[in-house]
Amino acid sequence: MLERRHTQGRLRASEPRRKADWCDFTQDSGPRPGILIVDSSPEIRDLLEKLLPRHGLNVWIAGNCLQAVDIYWHAHSQIQLVVLEADMPGIDGPQTLLALRGIKPNVRCCFMSACQDKYTVADLISLGAAQTFVKPFRLSNFVHTLRQLAGLASPGAGPWLEPSSN
């Protein structure tokens, strides 16, 4: 059975609010664009699953290609953007993109990559990626770009994700 997690962007009572969360979009009343995150790292998936809903995005999480295809098959009408790890073990990001295009040919995607041994940024852009993020990257820029690509107005790549100095 595939593990499926979908967050609705709500803070649980047990989650402490940090000062850096002042730009919390969880109370927006409008439609929330959906993003499918496909990454082999549980730490990256957990971080993005908690972070992105606070910035107005619904999030689906997959740890590999098969999970991504299953989720996208069932929820592609609710997902505006797919973020793929380029160099996943097994079936990698570009191969996963090909499978997703079998469901919806004009799927909008971005790639995250920790190294450029197998694919360069130019290679990933040539596959139709709207953006490529080379790890490590600034989370504020990442969130700002995802919000723009998902069709949300963004307050800018400002300090809302940076640690508070107070």
C-alpha atoms as a PDB file:
ATOM      1  CA  MET A   1       0.000   0.000   0.000  1.00  0.00           C
ATOM      2  CA  LEU A   2       1.432   3.359  -0.982  1.00  0.00           C
ATOM      3  CA  GLU A   3       1.704   5.954   1.701  1.00  0.00           C
ATOM      4  CA  ARG A   4      -0.265   9.025   0.685  1.00  0.00           C
ATOM      5  CA  ARG A   5      -0.022  12.239   2.598  1.00  0.00           C
ATOM      6  CA  HIS A   6      -1.828  15.392   1.683  1.00  0.00           C
ATOM      7  CA  THR A   7      -1.703  18.486   3.817  1.00  0.00           C
ATOM      8  CA  GLN A   8      -4.390  21.109   3.946  1.00  0.00           C
ATOM      9  CA  GLY A   9      -2.064  23.795   5.291  1.00  0.00           C
ATOM     10  CA  ARG A  10      -3.444  23.880   8.814  1.00  0.00           C
ATOM     11  CA  LEU A  11      -1.259  24.213  11.875  1.00  0.00           C
ATOM     12  CA  ARG A  12      -1.940  21.621  14.516  1.00  0.00           C
ATOM     13  CA  ALA A  13      -2.439  22.813  18.089  1.00  0.00           C
ATOM     14  CA  SER A  14       0.748  20.998  19.086  1.00  0.00           C
ATOM     15  CA  GLU A  15       2.873  22.871  16.541  1.00  0.00           C
ATOM     16  CA  PRO A  16       4.550  25.936  18.005  1.00  0.00           C
ATOM     17  CA  ARG A  17       4.426  29.095  15.933  1.00  0.00           C
ATOM     18  CA  ARG A  18       7.756  30.759  15.404  1.00  0.00           C
ATOM     19  CA  LYS A  19       8.248  34.476  14.914  1.00  0.00           C
ATOM     20  CA  ALA A  20       9.411  33.738  11.347  1.00  0.00           C
ATOM     21  CA  ASP A  21       5.909  32.451  10.495  1.00  0.00           C
ATOM     22  CA  TRP A  22       4.305  35.894  10.397  1.00  0.00           C
ATOM     23  CA  CYS A  23       3.548  35.504   6.689  1.00  0.00           C
ATOM     24  CA  ASP A  24       1.246  32.503   7.197  1.00  0.00           C
ATOM     25  CA  PHE A  25      -1.136  31.926   4.268  1.00  0.00           C
ATOM     26  CA  THR A  26      -3.064  29.090   5.910  1.00  0.00           C
ATOM     27  CA  GLN A  27      -6.099  31.311   6.505  1.00  0.00           C
ATOM     28  CA  ASP A  28      -6.500  32.355   2.840  1.00  0.00           C
ATOM     29  CA  SER A  29     -10.054  31.770   1.684  1.00  0.00           C
ATOM     30  CA  GLY A  30      -9.291  31.423  -2.027  1.00  0.00           C
ATOM     31  CA  PRO A  31      -8.421  28.261  -3.927  1.00  0.00           C
ATOM     32  CA  ARG A  32      -5.038  26.821  -3.060  1.00  0.00           C
ATOM     33  CA  PRO A  33      -2.847  25.592  -5.921  1.00  0.00           C
ATOM     34  CA  GLY A  34      -1.506  22.070  -5.607  1.00  0.00           C
ATOM     35  CA  ILE A  35       2.114  20.980  -5.791  1.00  0.00           C
ATOM     36  CA  LEU A  36       3.425  17.426  -6.005  1.00  0.00           C
ATOM     37  CA  ILE A  37       6.857  17.054  -4.385  1.00  0.00           C
ATOM     38  CA  VAL A  38       8.847  14.005  -5.532  1.00  0.00           C
ATOM     39  CA  ASP A  39      12.065  13.499  -3.584  1.00  0.00           C
ATOM     40  CA  SER A  40      13.844  10.424  -2.244  1.00  0.00           C
ATOM     41  CA  SER A  41      14.954  12.203   0.945  1.00  0.00           C
ATOM     42  CA  PRO A  42      12.475  11.889   3.841  1.00  0.00           C
ATOM     43  CA  GLU A  43      13.958  15.035   5.399  1.00  0.00           C
ATOM     44  CA  ILE A  44      13.302  17.125   2.276  1.00  0.00           C
ATOM     45  CA  ARG A  45       9.774  15.719   1.941  1.00  0.00           C
ATOM     46  CA  ASP A  46       8.948  16.410   5.599  1.00  0.00           C
ATOM     47  CA  LEU A  47      10.343  19.941   5.443  1.00  0.00           C
ATOM     48  CA  LEU A  48       8.408  20.870   2.298  1.00  0.00           C
ATOM     49  CA  GLU A  49       5.232  19.171   3.523  1.00  0.00           C
ATOM     50  CA  LYS A  50       5.277  21.462   6.568  1.00  0.00           C
ATOM     51  CA  LEU A  51       6.593  24.618   4.897  1.00  0.00           C
ATOM     52  CA  LEU A  52       4.618  24.955   1.654  1.00  0.00           C
ATOM     53  CA  PRO A  53       1.067  24.883   3.097  1.00  0.00           C
ATOM     54  CA  ARG A  54       2.036  27.851   5.254  1.00  0.00           C
ATOM     55  CA  HIS A  55       2.578  29.732   2.002  1.00  0.00           C
ATOM     56  CA  GLY A  56      -0.754  28.993   0.371  1.00  0.00           C
ATOM     57  CA  LEU A  57      -0.044  25.687  -1.371  1.00  0.00           C
ATOM     58  CA  ASN A  58      -1.652  22.253  -1.088  1.00  0.00           C
ATOM     59  CA  VAL A  59       1.039  19.591  -1.070  1.00  0.00           C
ATOM     60  CA  TRP A  60       1.164  15.981  -2.218  1.00  0.00           C
ATOM     61  CA  ILE A  61       4.283  13.998  -1.287  1.00  0.00           C
ATOM     62  CA  ALA A  62       5.948  11.110  -3.139  1.00  0.00           C
ATOM     63  CA  GLY A  63       9.230   9.360  -2.406  1.00  0.00           C
ATOM     64  CA  ASN A  64       9.718   7.778  -5.837  1.00  0.00           C
ATOM     65  CA  CYS A  65       8.392   7.572  -9.383  1.00  0.00           C
ATOM     66  CA  LEU A  66       5.740   4.941  -8.718  1.00  0.00           C
ATOM     67  CA  GLN A  67       4.220   6.924  -5.861  1.00  0.00           C
ATOM     68  CA  ALA A  68       4.342  10.098  -7.980  1.00  0.00           C
ATOM     69  CA  VAL A  69       2.540   8.458 -10.902  1.00  0.00           C
ATOM     70  CA  ASP A  70      -0.124   7.014  -8.593  1.00  0.00           C
ATOM     71  CA  ILE A  71      -0.760  10.348  -6.888  1.00  0.00           C
ATOM     72  CA  TYR A  72      -0.711  12.295 -10.166  1.00  0.00           C
ATOM     73  CA  TRP A  73      -3.087   9.813 -11.798  1.00  0.00           C
ATOM     74  CA  HIS A  74      -5.665  10.422  -9.056  1.00  0.00           C
ATOM     75  CA  ALA A  75      -5.082  14.142  -8.401  1.00  0.00           C
ATOM     76  CA  HIS A  76      -3.642  15.706 -11.579  1.00  0.00           C
ATOM     77  CA  SER A  77      -6.628  18.049 -11.914  1.00  0.00           C
ATOM     78  CA  GLN A  78      -5.712  19.558  -8.524  1.00  0.00           C
ATOM     79  CA  ILE A  79      -1.943  19.746  -9.084  1.00  0.00           C
ATOM     80  CA  GLN A  80      -0.582  22.780 -10.920  1.00  0.00           C
ATOM     81  CA  LEU A  81       3.122  22.052 -10.483  1.00  0.00           C
ATOM     82  CA  VAL A  82       5.359  19.019  -9.956  1.00  0.00           C
ATOM     83  CA  VAL A  83       8.759  19.392  -8.262  1.00  0.00           C
ATOM     84  CA  LEU A  84      11.041  16.459  -9.069  1.00  0.00           C
ATOM     85  CA  GLU A  85      14.384  15.425  -7.641  1.00  0.00           C
ATOM     86  CA  ALA A  86      16.504  15.060 -10.770  1.00  0.00           C
ATOM     87  CA  ASP A  87      18.864  12.385  -9.501  1.00  0.00           C
ATOM     88  CA  MET A  88      16.572  10.037  -7.551  1.00  0.00           C
ATOM     89  CA  PRO A  89      17.771   6.447  -7.210  1.00  0.00           C
ATOM     90  CA  GLY A  90      16.039   4.019  -9.544  1.00  0.00           C
ATOM     91  CA  ILE A  91      13.685   5.866 -11.873  1.00  0.00           C
ATOM     92  CA  ASP A  92      15.033   9.423 -11.833  1.00  0.00           C
ATOM     93  CA  GLY A  93      13.299  12.787 -12.214  1.00  0.00           C
ATOM     94  CA  PRO A  94      13.416  13.111 -16.026  1.00  0.00           C
ATOM     95  CA  GLN A  95      12.091   9.553 -16.434  1.00  0.00           C
ATOM     96  CA  THR A  96       9.352  10.327 -13.892  1.00  0.00           C
ATOM     97  CA  LEU A  97       8.443  13.425 -15.901  1.00  0.00           C
ATOM     98  CA  LEU A  98       7.988  11.253 -19.000  1.00  0.00           C
ATOM     99  CA  ALA A  99       5.621   8.974 -17.057  1.00  0.00           C
ATOM    100  CA  LEU A 100       3.632  11.959 -15.772  1.00  0.00           C
ATOM    101  CA  ARG A 101       3.349  13.311 -19.322  1.00  0.00           C
ATOM    102  CA  GLY A 102       1.582  10.070 -20.187  1.00  0.00           C
ATOM    103  CA  ILE A 103      -1.182  11.258 -17.850  1.00  0.00           C
ATOM    104  CA  LYS A 104      -1.114  14.941 -18.749  1.00  0.00           C
ATOM    105  CA  PRO A 105       1.182  15.966 -21.620  1.00  0.00           C
ATOM    106  CA  ASN A 106       1.533  19.598 -20.541  1.00  0.00           C
ATOM    107  CA  VAL A 107       2.488  18.891 -16.904  1.00  0.00           C
ATOM    108  CA  ARG A 108       4.355  21.868 -15.437  1.00  0.00           C
ATOM    109  CA  CYS A 109       7.510  20.888 -13.564  1.00  0.00           C
ATOM    110  CA  CYS A 110      10.636  22.037 -11.777  1.00  0.00           C
ATOM    111  CA  PHE A 111      13.691  20.024 -10.894  1.00  0.00           C
ATOM    112  CA  MET A 112      15.841  19.969  -7.765  1.00  0.00           C
ATOM    113  CA  SER A 113      19.367  18.631  -8.130  1.00  0.00           C
ATOM    114  CA  ALA A 114      22.202  18.139  -5.667  1.00  0.00           C
ATOM    115  CA  CYS A 115      24.804  17.433  -8.348  1.00  0.00           C
ATOM    116  CA  GLN A 116      25.204  17.858 -12.056  1.00  0.00           C
ATOM    117  CA  ASP A 117      26.943  14.569 -12.808  1.00  0.00           C
ATOM    118  CA  LYS A 118      24.058  13.019 -14.744  1.00  0.00           C
ATOM    119  CA  TYR A 119      22.055  16.091 -15.838  1.00  0.00           C
ATOM    120  CA  THR A 120      23.123  19.695 -16.201  1.00  0.00           C
ATOM    121  CA  VAL A 121      20.769  22.588 -15.575  1.00  0.00           C
ATOM    122  CA  ALA A 122      20.618  23.081 -19.363  1.00  0.00           C
ATOM    123  CA  ASP A 123      19.631  19.407 -19.800  1.00  0.00           C
ATOM    124  CA  LEU A 124      16.774  19.769 -17.316  1.00  0.00           C
ATOM    125  CA  ILE A 125      15.528  23.030 -18.833  1.00  0.00           C
ATOM    126  CA  SER A 126      15.600  21.408 -22.288  1.00  0.00           C
ATOM    127  CA  LEU A 127      13.225  18.721 -20.952  1.00  0.00           C
ATOM    128  CA  GLY A 128      10.683  21.457 -20.319  1.00  0.00           C
ATOM    129  CA  ALA A 129      11.394  22.416 -16.715  1.00  0.00           C
ATOM    130  CA  ALA A 130      10.069  25.822 -15.746  1.00  0.00           C
ATOM    131  CA  GLN A 131      12.887  26.133 -13.187  1.00  0.00           C
ATOM    132  CA  THR A 132      15.809  24.136 -11.827  1.00  0.00           C
ATOM    133  CA  PHE A 133      16.998  24.487  -8.236  1.00  0.00           C
ATOM    134  CA  VAL A 134      20.544  23.407  -7.413  1.00  0.00           C
ATOM    135  CA  LYS A 135      20.869  22.191  -3.818  1.00  0.00           C
ATOM    136  CA  PRO A 136      21.579  23.789  -1.474  1.00  0.00           C
ATOM    137  CA  PHE A 137      19.282  26.694  -2.290  1.00  0.00           C
ATOM    138  CA  ARG A 138      17.602  29.436  -0.276  1.00  0.00           C
ATOM    139  CA  LEU A 139      14.163  28.336   0.883  1.00  0.00           C
ATOM    140  CA  SER A 140      12.823  31.872   0.535  1.00  0.00           C
ATOM    141  CA  ASN A 141      13.697  31.919  -3.179  1.00  0.00           C
ATOM    142  CA  PHE A 142      12.339  28.395  -3.616  1.00  0.00           C
ATOM    143  CA  VAL A 143       8.949  29.248  -2.055  1.00  0.00           C
ATOM    144  CA  HIS A 144       8.723  32.552  -3.943  1.00  0.00           C
ATOM    145  CA  THR A 145       9.364  30.795  -7.276  1.00  0.00           C
ATOM    146  CA  LEU A 146       6.932  27.939  -6.569  1.00  0.00           C
ATOM    147  CA  ARG A 147       4.193  30.419  -5.627  1.00  0.00           C
ATOM    148  CA  GLN A 148       4.762  32.331  -8.876  1.00  0.00           C
ATOM    149  CA  LEU A 149       4.779  29.179 -11.006  1.00  0.00           C
ATOM    150  CA  ALA A 150       1.609  27.949  -9.283  1.00  0.00           C
ATOM    151  CA  GLY A 151      -0.103  31.227 -10.169  1.00  0.00           C
ATOM    152  CA  LEU A 152      -0.117  32.920  -6.765  1.00  0.00           C
ATOM    153  CA  ALA A 153       0.909  36.490  -6.155  1.00  0.00           C
ATOM    154  CA  SER A 154       3.931  36.400  -3.911  1.00  0.00           C
ATOM    155  CA  PRO A 155       5.044  38.917  -1.325  1.00  0.00           C
ATOM    156  CA  GLY A 156       8.542  38.597  -2.760  1.00  0.00           C
ATOM    157  CA  ALA A 157      11.551  36.552  -1.768  1.00  0.00           C
ATOM    158  CA  GLY A 158      11.738  38.500   1.442  1.00  0.00           C
ATOM    159  CA  PRO A 159      12.607  37.668   5.010  1.00  0.00           C
ATOM    160  CA  TRP A 160       9.482  35.687   5.911  1.00  0.00           C
ATOM    161  CA  LEU A 161      11.475  32.455   5.885  1.00  0.00           C
ATOM    162  CA  GLU A 162      14.652  33.800   7.380  1.00  0.00           C
ATOM    163  CA  PRO A 163      15.395  33.297  11.062  1.00  0.00           C
ATOM    164  CA  SER A 164      14.244  36.141  13.248  1.00  0.00           C
ATOM    165  CA  SER A 165      16.999  38.169  14.863  1.00  0.00           C
ATOM    166  CA  ASN A 166      14.764  38.952  17.863  1.00  0.00           C
END
